[in-house]
Amino acid sequence: MTVERIVRIVAGFFIMLSLALAHFSGSVDMTQVSWLWFTAFVGFNLFQSGITRFCPMDMMLKKAGVKQGCGL
């Protein structure tokens, strides 16, 4: 597993964990439609892309002609 994949998994997990903690502590009501669901979507995508290597943004940027970095 590469550093990039681990970073995606950990970042996605922390985003989803922070939303869950805020919800269960009563600070945020995730049962209502809000922009926090977008944050949850981003966190889930980070997490799953680290595991499955499937990232929609990665695909869109490649199709747009953006060059891939050297992986430093």
PDB file of N, CA and C in Angstrom:
ATOM      1  N   MET A   1       0.847  -1.166   0.000  1.00  0.00           N
ATOM      2  CA  MET A   1       0.000   0.000   0.000  1.00  0.00           C
ATOM      3  C   MET A   1       0.900   1.238   0.000  1.00  0.00           C
ATOM      4  N   THR A   2       0.520   2.218  -0.791  1.00  0.00           N
ATOM      5  CA  THR A   2       1.333   3.429  -0.922  1.00  0.00           C
ATOM      6  C   THR A   2       0.940   4.478   0.112  1.00  0.00           C
ATOM      7  N   VAL A   3       1.819   5.456   0.283  1.00  0.00           N
ATOM      8  CA  VAL A   3       1.560   6.557   1.207  1.00  0.00           C
ATOM      9  C   VAL A   3       0.290   7.302   0.792  1.00  0.00           C
ATOM     10  N   GLU A   4       0.128   7.527  -0.517  1.00  0.00           N
ATOM     11  CA  GLU A   4      -1.039   8.265  -1.004  1.00  0.00           C
ATOM     12  C   GLU A   4      -2.343   7.553  -0.635  1.00  0.00           C
ATOM     13  N   ARG A   5      -2.362   6.231  -0.757  1.00  0.00           N
ATOM     14  CA  ARG A   5      -3.575   5.484  -0.425  1.00  0.00           C
ATOM     15  C   ARG A   5      -3.861   5.550   1.072  1.00  0.00           C
ATOM     16  N   ILE A   6      -2.827   5.439   1.885  1.00  0.00           N
ATOM     17  CA  ILE A   6      -3.022   5.499   3.341  1.00  0.00           C
ATOM     18  C   ILE A   6      -3.517   6.888   3.751  1.00  0.00           C
ATOM     19  N   VAL A   7      -2.967   7.934   3.132  1.00  0.00           N
ATOM     20  CA  VAL A   7      -3.407   9.300   3.438  1.00  0.00           C
ATOM     21  C   VAL A   7      -4.882   9.466   3.087  1.00  0.00           C
ATOM     22  N   ARG A   8      -5.304   8.953   1.950  1.00  0.00           N
ATOM     23  CA  ARG A   8      -6.717   9.045   1.560  1.00  0.00           C
ATOM     24  C   ARG A   8      -7.610   8.313   2.545  1.00  0.00           C
ATOM     25  N   ILE A   9      -7.209   7.126   2.955  1.00  0.00           N
ATOM     26  CA  ILE A   9      -8.006   6.338   3.897  1.00  0.00           C
ATOM     27  C   ILE A   9      -8.126   7.054   5.237  1.00  0.00           C
ATOM     28  N   VAL A  10      -7.006   7.526   5.761  1.00  0.00           N
ATOM     29  CA  VAL A  10      -7.015   8.189   7.071  1.00  0.00           C
ATOM     30  C   VAL A  10      -7.791   9.508   7.005  1.00  0.00           C
ATOM     31  N   ALA A  11      -7.574  10.298   5.962  1.00  0.00           N
ATOM     32  CA  ALA A  11      -8.290  11.571   5.830  1.00  0.00           C
ATOM     33  C   ALA A  11      -9.794  11.352   5.724  1.00  0.00           C
ATOM     34  N   GLY A  12     -10.205  10.404   4.899  1.00  0.00           N
ATOM     35  CA  GLY A  12     -11.628  10.105   4.768  1.00  0.00           C
ATOM     36  C   GLY A  12     -12.230   9.619   6.067  1.00  0.00           C
ATOM     37  N   PHE A  13     -11.494   8.756   6.785  1.00  0.00           N
ATOM     38  CA  PHE A  13     -11.978   8.242   8.063  1.00  0.00           C
ATOM     39  C   PHE A  13     -12.147   9.371   9.072  1.00  0.00           C
ATOM     40  N   PHE A  14     -11.166  10.279   9.144  1.00  0.00           N
ATOM     41  CA  PHE A  14     -11.246  11.377  10.101  1.00  0.00           C
ATOM     42  C   PHE A  14     -12.398  12.328   9.782  1.00  0.00           C
ATOM     43  N   ILE A  15     -12.657  12.580   8.515  1.00  0.00           N
ATOM     44  CA  ILE A  15     -13.785  13.447   8.138  1.00  0.00           C
ATOM     45  C   ILE A  15     -15.094  12.799   8.581  1.00  0.00           C
ATOM     46  N   MET A  16     -15.262  11.511   8.270  1.00  0.00           N
ATOM     47  CA  MET A  16     -16.504  10.833   8.660  1.00  0.00           C
ATOM     48  C   MET A  16     -16.615  10.711  10.175  1.00  0.00           C
ATOM     49  N   LEU A  17     -15.505  10.463  10.870  1.00  0.00           N
ATOM     50  CA  LEU A  17     -15.514  10.371  12.329  1.00  0.00           C
ATOM     51  C   LEU A  17     -15.898  11.703  12.965  1.00  0.00           C
ATOM     52  N   SER A  18     -15.349  12.798  12.450  1.00  0.00           N
ATOM     53  CA  SER A  18     -15.678  14.105  13.030  1.00  0.00           C
ATOM     54  C   SER A  18     -17.149  14.442  12.837  1.00  0.00           C
ATOM     55  N   LEU A  19     -17.718  14.082  11.686  1.00  0.00           N
ATOM     56  CA  LEU A  19     -19.144  14.313  11.471  1.00  0.00           C
ATOM     57  C   LEU A  19     -19.988  13.453  12.410  1.00  0.00           C
ATOM     58  N   ALA A  20     -19.590  12.193  12.584  1.00  0.00           N
ATOM     59  CA  ALA A  20     -20.332  11.301  13.479  1.00  0.00           C
ATOM     60  C   ALA A  20     -20.258  11.793  14.928  1.00  0.00           C
ATOM     61  N   LEU A  21     -19.079  12.214  15.377  1.00  0.00           N
ATOM     62  CA  LEU A  21     -18.938  12.718  16.744  1.00  0.00           C
ATOM     63  C   LEU A  21     -19.759  13.989  16.955  1.00  0.00           C
ATOM     64  N   ALA A  22     -19.753  14.885  15.977  1.00  0.00           N
ATOM     65  CA  ALA A  22     -20.548  16.110  16.079  1.00  0.00           C
ATOM     66  C   ALA A  22     -22.039  15.781  16.130  1.00  0.00           C
ATOM     67  N   HIS A  23     -22.460  14.805  15.343  1.00  0.00           N
ATOM     68  CA  HIS A  23     -23.873  14.415  15.327  1.00  0.00           C
ATOM     69  C   HIS A  23     -24.292  13.795  16.659  1.00  0.00           C
ATOM     70  N   PHE A  24     -23.502  12.839  17.144  1.00  0.00           N
ATOM     71  CA  PHE A  24     -23.892  12.126  18.360  1.00  0.00           C
ATOM     72  C   PHE A  24     -23.686  12.944  19.629  1.00  0.00           C
ATOM     73  N   SER A  25     -22.888  13.995  19.578  1.00  0.00           N
ATOM     74  CA  SER A  25     -22.745  14.880  20.741  1.00  0.00           C
ATOM     75  C   SER A  25     -23.845  15.940  20.763  1.00  0.00           C
ATOM     76  N   GLY A  26     -24.605  16.026  19.686  1.00  0.00           N
ATOM     77  CA  GLY A  26     -25.699  16.988  19.624  1.00  0.00           C
ATOM     78  C   GLY A  26     -25.320  18.313  19.002  1.00  0.00           C
ATOM     79  N   SER A  27     -24.093  18.453  18.552  1.00  0.00           N
ATOM     80  CA  SER A  27     -23.654  19.719  17.954  1.00  0.00           C
ATOM     81  C   SER A  27     -24.233  19.925  16.564  1.00  0.00           C
ATOM     82  N   VAL A  28     -24.481  18.817  15.859  1.00  0.00           N
ATOM     83  CA  VAL A  28     -24.941  18.873  14.471  1.00  0.00           C
ATOM     84  C   VAL A  28     -26.081  17.880  14.304  1.00  0.00           C
ATOM     85  N   ASP A  29     -27.085  18.267  13.542  1.00  0.00           N
ATOM     86  CA  ASP A  29     -28.203  17.361  13.257  1.00  0.00           C
ATOM     87  C   ASP A  29     -28.081  16.854  11.823  1.00  0.00           C
ATOM     88  N   MET A  30     -27.514  15.648  11.675  1.00  0.00           N
ATOM     89  CA  MET A  30     -27.306  15.073  10.338  1.00  0.00           C
ATOM     90  C   MET A  30     -28.585  14.487   9.748  1.00  0.00           C
ATOM     91  N   THR A  31     -29.686  14.518  10.517  1.00  0.00           N
ATOM     92  CA  THR A  31     -30.943  14.006   9.958  1.00  0.00           C
ATOM     93  C   THR A  31     -31.590  15.038   9.038  1.00  0.00           C
ATOM     94  N   GLN A  32     -31.171  16.286   9.129  1.00  0.00           N
ATOM     95  CA  GLN A  32     -31.690  17.339   8.265  1.00  0.00           C
ATOM     96  C   GLN A  32     -30.820  17.476   7.026  1.00  0.00           C
ATOM     97  N   VAL A  33     -31.424  17.883   5.932  1.00  0.00           N
ATOM     98  CA  VAL A  33     -30.672  18.111   4.705  1.00  0.00           C
ATOM     99  C   VAL A  33     -29.794  19.349   4.911  1.00  0.00           C
ATOM    100  N   SER A  34     -28.508  19.187   4.716  1.00  0.00           N
ATOM    101  CA  SER A  34     -27.600  20.310   4.907  1.00  0.00           C
ATOM    102  C   SER A  34     -26.343  20.082   4.068  1.00  0.00           C
ATOM    103  N   TRP A  35     -25.463  21.080   4.076  1.00  0.00           N
ATOM    104  CA  TRP A  35     -24.202  20.981   3.351  1.00  0.00           C
ATOM    105  C   TRP A  35     -23.257  19.984   4.013  1.00  0.00           C
ATOM    106  N   LEU A  36     -23.545  19.570   5.230  1.00  0.00           N
ATOM    107  CA  LEU A  36     -22.693  18.585   5.892  1.00  0.00           C
ATOM    108  C   LEU A  36     -22.753  17.234   5.188  1.00  0.00           C
ATOM    109  N   TRP A  37     -23.848  16.969   4.480  1.00  0.00           N
ATOM    110  CA  TRP A  37     -23.917  15.722   3.714  1.00  0.00           C
ATOM    111  C   TRP A  37     -22.893  15.731   2.576  1.00  0.00           C
ATOM    112  N   PHE A  38     -22.606  16.910   2.040  1.00  0.00           N
ATOM    113  CA  PHE A  38     -21.556  17.028   1.026  1.00  0.00           C
ATOM    114  C   PHE A  38     -20.197  16.685   1.643  1.00  0.00           C
ATOM    115  N   THR A  39     -19.965  17.152   2.860  1.00  0.00           N
ATOM    116  CA  THR A  39     -18.733  16.820   3.571  1.00  0.00           C
ATOM    117  C   THR A  39     -18.635  15.322   3.807  1.00  0.00           C
ATOM    118  N   ALA A  40     -19.744  14.699   4.174  1.00  0.00           N
ATOM    119  CA  ALA A  40     -19.766  13.249   4.375  1.00  0.00           C
ATOM    120  C   ALA A  40     -19.453  12.524   3.067  1.00  0.00           C
ATOM    121  N   PHE A  41     -19.986  13.016   1.962  1.00  0.00           N
ATOM    122  CA  PHE A  41     -19.733  12.419   0.651  1.00  0.00           C
ATOM    123  C   PHE A  41     -18.246  12.498   0.297  1.00  0.00           C
ATOM    124  N   VAL A  42     -17.627  13.656   0.544  1.00  0.00           N
ATOM    125  CA  VAL A  42     -16.206  13.818   0.262  1.00  0.00           C
ATOM    126  C   VAL A  42     -15.378  12.878   1.133  1.00  0.00           C
ATOM    127  N   GLY A  43     -15.722  12.795   2.412  1.00  0.00           N
ATOM    128  CA  GLY A  43     -15.002  11.898   3.313  1.00  0.00           C
ATOM    129  C   GLY A  43     -15.123  10.450   2.896  1.00  0.00           C
ATOM    130  N   PHE A  44     -16.335  10.041   2.516  1.00  0.00           N
ATOM    131  CA  PHE A  44     -16.533   8.659   2.067  1.00  0.00           C
ATOM    132  C   PHE A  44     -15.753   8.379   0.792  1.00  0.00           C
ATOM    133  N   ASN A  45     -15.754   9.342  -0.151  1.00  0.00           N
ATOM    134  CA  ASN A  45     -15.006   9.155  -1.393  1.00  0.00           C
ATOM    135  C   ASN A  45     -13.508   9.041  -1.139  1.00  0.00           C
ATOM    136  N   LEU A  46     -12.978   9.852  -0.233  1.00  0.00           N
ATOM    137  CA  LEU A  46     -11.562   9.738   0.120  1.00  0.00           C
ATOM    138  C   LEU A  46     -11.262   8.346   0.670  1.00  0.00           C
ATOM    139  N   PHE A  47     -12.107   7.902   1.587  1.00  0.00           N
ATOM    140  CA  PHE A  47     -11.908   6.603   2.229  1.00  0.00           C
ATOM    141  C   PHE A  47     -11.965   5.467   1.211  1.00  0.00           C
ATOM    142  N   GLN A  48     -13.019   5.449   0.394  1.00  0.00           N
ATOM    143  CA  GLN A  48     -13.167   4.344  -0.558  1.00  0.00           C
ATOM    144  C   GLN A  48     -12.126   4.394  -1.666  1.00  0.00           C
ATOM    145  N   SER A  49     -11.674   5.589  -2.064  1.00  0.00           N
ATOM    146  CA  SER A  49     -10.661   5.653  -3.122  1.00  0.00           C
ATOM    147  C   SER A  49      -9.317   5.139  -2.627  1.00  0.00           C
ATOM    148  N   GLY A  50      -9.058   5.280  -1.330  1.00  0.00           N
ATOM    149  CA  GLY A  50      -7.839   4.724  -0.776  1.00  0.00           C
ATOM    150  C   GLY A  50      -7.856   3.200  -0.774  1.00  0.00           C
ATOM    151  N   ILE A  51      -9.030   2.637  -0.619  1.00  0.00           N
ATOM    152  CA  ILE A  51      -9.156   1.176  -0.595  1.00  0.00           C
ATOM    153  C   ILE A  51      -9.276   0.591  -2.001  1.00  0.00           C
ATOM    154  N   THR A  52     -10.122   1.193  -2.839  1.00  0.00           N
ATOM    155  CA  THR A  52     -10.440   0.604  -4.143  1.00  0.00           C
ATOM    156  C   THR A  52      -9.638   1.176  -5.308  1.00  0.00           C
ATOM    157  N   ARG A  53      -8.943   2.299  -5.093  1.00  0.00           N
ATOM    158  CA  ARG A  53      -8.218   3.024  -6.152  1.00  0.00           C
ATOM    159  C   ARG A  53      -9.151   3.640  -7.198  1.00  0.00           C
ATOM    160  N   PHE A  54     -10.432   3.717  -6.927  1.00  0.00           N
ATOM    161  CA  PHE A  54     -11.383   4.352  -7.837  1.00  0.00           C
ATOM    162  C   PHE A  54     -11.698   5.742  -7.304  1.00  0.00           C
ATOM    163  N   CYS A  55     -11.334   6.767  -8.071  1.00  0.00           N
ATOM    164  CA  CYS A  55     -11.570   8.148  -7.669  1.00  0.00           C
ATOM    165  C   CYS A  55     -12.171   8.907  -8.857  1.00  0.00           C
ATOM    166  N   PRO A  56     -13.423   9.334  -8.741  1.00  0.00           N
ATOM    167  CA  PRO A  56     -14.057  10.061  -9.853  1.00  0.00           C
ATOM    168  C   PRO A  56     -13.299  11.331 -10.249  1.00  0.00           C
ATOM    169  N   MET A  57     -12.785  12.083  -9.280  1.00  0.00           N
ATOM    170  CA  MET A  57     -12.051  13.305  -9.604  1.00  0.00           C
ATOM    171  C   MET A  57     -10.770  12.984 -10.362  1.00  0.00           C
ATOM    172  N   ASP A  58     -10.103  11.925  -9.983  1.00  0.00           N
ATOM    173  CA  ASP A  58      -8.889  11.482 -10.670  1.00  0.00           C
ATOM    174  C   ASP A  58      -9.198  11.198 -12.139  1.00  0.00           C
ATOM    175  N   MET A  59     -10.296  10.501 -12.377  1.00  0.00           N
ATOM    176  CA  MET A  59     -10.689  10.167 -13.754  1.00  0.00           C
ATOM    177  C   MET A  59     -11.004  11.427 -14.556  1.00  0.00           C
ATOM    178  N   MET A  60     -11.739  12.373 -13.937  1.00  0.00           N
ATOM    179  CA  MET A  60     -12.108  13.601 -14.648  1.00  0.00           C
ATOM    180  C   MET A  60     -10.869  14.435 -14.989  1.00  0.00           C
ATOM    181  N   LEU A  61      -9.924  14.514 -14.058  1.00  0.00           N
ATOM    182  CA  LEU A  61      -8.716  15.299 -14.321  1.00  0.00           C
ATOM    183  C   LEU A  61      -7.858  14.662 -15.411  1.00  0.00           C
ATOM    184  N   LYS A  62      -7.773  13.343 -15.434  1.00  0.00           N
ATOM    185  CA  LYS A  62      -7.015  12.666 -16.489  1.00  0.00           C
ATOM    186  C   LYS A  62      -7.642  12.899 -17.853  1.00  0.00           C
ATOM    187  N   LYS A  63      -8.987  12.845 -17.914  1.00  0.00           N
ATOM    188  CA  LYS A  63      -9.678  13.092 -19.181  1.00  0.00           C
ATOM    189  C   LYS A  63      -9.525  14.539 -19.625  1.00  0.00           C
ATOM    190  N   ALA A  64      -9.341  15.447 -18.667  1.00  0.00           N
ATOM    191  CA  ALA A  64      -9.162  16.860 -18.986  1.00  0.00           C
ATOM    192  C   ALA A  64      -7.733  17.163 -19.431  1.00  0.00           C
ATOM    193  N   GLY A  65      -6.856  16.161 -19.344  1.00  0.00           N
ATOM    194  CA  GLY A  65      -5.488  16.344 -19.815  1.00  0.00           C
ATOM    195  C   GLY A  65      -4.491  16.797 -18.768  1.00  0.00           C
ATOM    196  N   VAL A  66      -4.892  16.749 -17.499  1.00  0.00           N
ATOM    197  CA  VAL A  66      -3.973  17.140 -16.430  1.00  0.00           C
ATOM    198  C   VAL A  66      -2.931  16.060 -16.255  1.00  0.00           C
ATOM    199  N   LYS A  67      -1.665  16.467 -16.222  1.00  0.00           N
ATOM    200  CA  LYS A  67      -0.578  15.506 -16.098  1.00  0.00           C
ATOM    201  C   LYS A  67      -0.471  14.993 -14.675  1.00  0.00           C
ATOM    202  N   GLN A  68      -0.045  13.742 -14.551  1.00  0.00           N
ATOM    203  CA  GLN A  68       0.134  13.139 -13.244  1.00  0.00           C
ATOM    204  C   GLN A  68       1.486  13.555 -12.678  1.00  0.00           C
ATOM    205  N   GLY A  69       1.545  13.748 -11.356  1.00  0.00           N
ATOM    206  CA  GLY A  69       2.780  14.170 -10.696  1.00  0.00           C
ATOM    207  C   GLY A  69       3.790  13.034 -10.617  1.00  0.00           C
ATOM    208  N   CYS A  70       4.977  13.377 -10.145  1.00  0.00           N
ATOM    209  CA  CYS A  70       6.046  12.385 -10.061  1.00  0.00           C
ATOM    210  C   CYS A  70       5.934  11.559  -8.786  1.00  0.00           C
ATOM    211  N   GLY A  71       5.009  11.888  -7.886  1.00  0.00           N
ATOM    212  CA  GLY A  71       4.791  11.092  -6.692  1.00  0.00           C
ATOM    213  C   GLY A  71       5.787  11.366  -5.576  1.00  0.00           C
ATOM    214  N   LEU A  72       6.240  12.589  -5.465  1.00  0.00           N
ATOM    215  CA  LEU A  72       7.192  12.934  -4.406  1.00  0.00           C
ATOM    216  C   LEU A  72       6.507  13.035  -3.107  1.00  0.00           C
TER     217      LEU A  72
END
